[in-house]
Amino acid sequence: MTRWLNDDEQRAWRAFGLASRLLTDRLERDLLAAADMPPTYYELLVLLSEAPERTLRMSELAQWTNSKGSRISHAVNKLEDKGWVRREHYAGDRRGWLAVLTDDGLAALRAAAPAHVASVREHLIDLLTPEQLGQLEEISQALLAHLTGRGPGSDLQ
C-alpha cells in the first residue's frame, strides 16, 4: 500500500525539489558567466587541487563525482585540450590512468573560485542563519549517508 505524502510532506518535498533545481541552475549560470567553466570541470579541478601531488586515478574521479568512467574521460579530454589537466599512465595498473592538475589548471581554478564562492554565498550561505546552516548540513549528511550507502559521518565532501 502506498504511503502518500500528507500536505506538510508534499509542501516540503516540492519546495526542496524546486529550490535544489533552481540553486543548481543559478550556480551553473554564474560559474559559466564568470569563468566560462561548467560546474563539472570546476568540481574536477577542485578534487585534483586537493589531492596529493594534484593527482587522482580516473576511477577515483568517477567515484567522487558519482559519474561513469566515460563521462569523466570525456571531461578530462576537454580539460586536457585547455591545458588544465594531463593524463599519465598509472604505474600499478596497465589499464589505469591518472589525471594530473597542471599549473595552468590550478591558475584557472584560482581565477574561477572567487566568483563561484560569491555565488554560493549569495544564493545559499548568506540566506541562512547559523542554525539553519547547521540543519542544512545535518540533513544533507543524512541524505548522503542513505544515498551513498556510507555510514553517518563518512567523509562525503
Protein backbone atom coordinates (compact mmCIF):
# COMPACT_ATOMS: atom_id res chain seq x y z
CA MET A 1 0.00 0.00 0.00
CA THR A 2 1.33 3.42 -0.95
CA ARG A 3 2.10 5.84 1.88
CA TRP A 4 1.03 9.08 0.21
CA LEU A 5 2.58 12.34 1.32
CA ASN A 6 0.48 14.44 3.64
CA ASP A 7 0.13 18.18 3.00
CA ASP A 8 3.18 19.15 5.08
CA GLU A 9 5.33 16.46 3.46
CA GLN A 10 4.14 17.45 -0.01
CA ARG A 11 4.98 21.13 0.57
CA ALA A 12 8.43 20.22 1.95
CA TRP A 13 9.16 17.86 -0.93
CA ARG A 14 8.09 20.30 -3.62
CA ALA A 15 9.93 23.23 -2.05
CA PHE A 16 13.11 21.15 -1.68
CA GLY A 17 12.92 19.85 -5.25
CA LEU A 18 12.33 23.23 -6.84
CA ALA A 19 14.87 25.02 -4.65
CA SER A 20 17.53 22.38 -5.43
CA ARG A 21 16.99 22.67 -9.17
CA LEU A 22 16.90 26.48 -9.16
CA LEU A 23 20.01 26.73 -6.98
CA THR A 24 21.95 24.30 -9.17
CA ASP A 25 20.87 26.19 -12.30
CA ARG A 26 21.84 29.57 -10.82
CA LEU A 27 25.25 28.39 -9.64
CA GLU A 28 25.91 26.86 -13.06
CA ARG A 29 24.91 30.04 -14.91
CA ASP A 30 27.03 32.19 -12.61
CA LEU A 31 30.11 29.96 -12.99
CA LEU A 32 29.75 29.87 -16.76
CA ALA A 33 29.33 33.65 -16.91
CA ALA A 34 32.27 34.38 -14.60
CA ALA A 35 34.79 31.76 -15.75
CA ASP A 36 33.36 30.09 -18.87
CA MET A 37 33.63 26.86 -16.89
CA PRO A 38 30.88 24.28 -16.40
CA PRO A 39 30.41 23.03 -12.83
CA THR A 40 31.67 19.56 -13.78
CA TYR A 41 35.04 20.98 -14.80
CA TYR A 42 35.20 23.13 -11.69
CA GLU A 43 34.45 20.12 -9.49
CA LEU A 44 37.15 18.03 -11.17
CA LEU A 45 39.71 20.82 -10.80
CA VAL A 46 38.82 21.20 -7.11
CA LEU A 47 39.17 17.46 -6.49
CA LEU A 48 42.54 17.39 -8.22
CA SER A 49 43.75 20.52 -6.41
CA GLU A 50 43.03 18.87 -3.05
CA ALA A 51 44.63 15.52 -3.93
CA PRO A 52 48.23 14.63 -3.04
CA GLU A 53 50.50 15.84 -5.84
CA ARG A 54 47.33 17.19 -7.55
CA THR A 55 46.80 13.68 -8.95
CA LEU A 56 43.93 11.17 -8.85
CA ARG A 57 43.10 7.98 -10.70
CA MET A 58 40.38 8.43 -13.26
CA SER A 59 38.31 5.83 -11.41
CA GLU A 60 38.59 7.92 -8.23
CA LEU A 61 37.34 11.00 -10.07
CA ALA A 62 34.38 8.98 -11.32
CA GLN A 63 33.66 7.74 -7.81
CA TRP A 64 33.91 11.18 -6.18
CA THR A 65 31.66 12.78 -8.78
CA ASN A 66 29.24 9.86 -8.96
CA SER A 67 29.87 9.71 -12.70
CA LYS A 68 30.50 6.99 -15.23
CA GLY A 69 34.07 6.48 -16.40
CA SER A 70 33.16 7.53 -19.94
CA ARG A 71 31.78 10.86 -18.71
CA ILE A 72 34.92 11.55 -16.68
CA SER A 73 37.10 10.56 -19.62
CA HIS A 74 35.22 13.00 -21.86
CA ALA A 75 35.54 15.81 -19.30
CA VAL A 76 39.25 15.13 -18.78
CA ASN A 77 39.72 15.20 -22.58
CA LYS A 78 38.22 18.70 -22.60
CA LEU A 79 40.37 19.76 -19.65
CA GLU A 80 43.44 18.39 -21.45
CA ASP A 81 42.52 20.43 -24.54
CA LYS A 82 42.56 23.54 -22.33
CA GLY A 83 45.90 22.55 -20.82
CA TRP A 84 44.42 22.31 -17.33
CA VAL A 85 44.91 18.56 -16.82
CA ARG A 86 47.25 15.95 -18.24
CA ARG A 87 46.91 12.19 -18.20
CA GLU A 88 49.62 9.83 -17.07
CA HIS A 89 49.76 6.05 -17.01
CA TYR A 90 49.24 4.59 -13.56
CA ALA A 91 52.36 2.52 -12.86
CA GLY A 92 50.46 0.00 -10.75
CA ASP A 93 47.91 -0.86 -13.45
CA ARG A 94 48.49 -1.18 -17.22
CA ARG A 95 44.91 -0.07 -17.92
CA GLY A 96 44.80 2.64 -15.28
CA TRP A 97 45.19 6.34 -15.92
CA LEU A 98 45.90 9.26 -13.66
CA ALA A 99 44.62 12.79 -14.08
CA VAL A 100 47.10 15.45 -13.00
CA LEU A 101 46.21 19.10 -12.45
CA THR A 102 48.63 21.35 -14.32
CA ASP A 103 49.84 24.74 -13.16
CA ASP A 104 47.54 26.32 -15.78
CA GLY A 105 44.65 24.28 -14.39
CA LEU A 106 45.39 25.46 -10.87
CA ALA A 107 45.53 29.05 -12.15
CA ALA A 108 42.16 28.61 -13.90
CA LEU A 109 40.65 27.21 -10.71
CA ARG A 110 42.06 30.08 -8.64
CA ALA A 111 40.62 32.56 -11.13
CA ALA A 112 37.16 30.93 -11.06
CA ALA A 113 36.93 30.28 -7.31
CA PRO A 114 36.18 33.82 -6.03
CA ALA A 115 33.16 34.28 -8.32
CA HIS A 116 31.90 30.77 -7.56
CA VAL A 117 32.22 31.24 -3.81
CA ALA A 118 30.48 34.62 -4.07
CA SER A 119 27.61 32.95 -5.92
CA VAL A 120 27.34 30.16 -3.32
CA ARG A 121 27.30 32.81 -0.58
CA GLU A 122 24.71 34.98 -2.32
CA HIS A 123 22.32 32.21 -3.25
CA LEU A 124 22.67 29.89 -0.24
CA ILE A 125 25.03 30.54 2.67
CA ASP A 126 24.17 34.17 3.42
CA LEU A 127 20.43 33.47 3.23
CA LEU A 128 20.58 31.11 6.21
CA THR A 129 21.10 31.67 9.90
CA PRO A 130 23.96 29.73 11.51
CA GLU A 131 21.34 27.37 12.98
CA GLN A 132 19.75 26.79 9.57
CA LEU A 133 23.16 26.18 8.02
CA GLY A 134 23.84 23.54 10.68
CA GLN A 135 20.46 21.96 9.93
CA LEU A 136 21.19 22.00 6.21
CA GLU A 137 24.47 20.19 6.79
CA GLU A 138 22.79 17.65 9.07
CA ILE A 139 20.02 16.99 6.56
CA SER A 140 22.47 16.78 3.67
CA GLN A 141 24.73 14.35 5.56
CA ALA A 142 21.72 12.13 6.35
CA LEU A 143 20.71 12.11 2.68
CA LEU A 144 24.27 11.41 1.54
CA ALA A 145 24.70 8.58 4.02
CA HIS A 146 21.48 6.99 2.75
CA LEU A 147 22.07 7.59 -0.96
CA THR A 148 25.72 6.52 -0.99
CA GLY A 149 25.30 3.61 1.41
CA ARG A 150 28.01 5.05 3.63
CA GLY A 151 27.53 5.40 7.32
CA PRO A 152 26.84 8.72 9.05
CA GLY A 153 29.95 10.80 9.50
CA SER A 154 31.73 9.28 6.49
CA ASP A 155 33.98 11.61 4.52
CA LEU A 156 31.37 12.68 1.97
CA GLN A 157 32.72 16.05 0.96
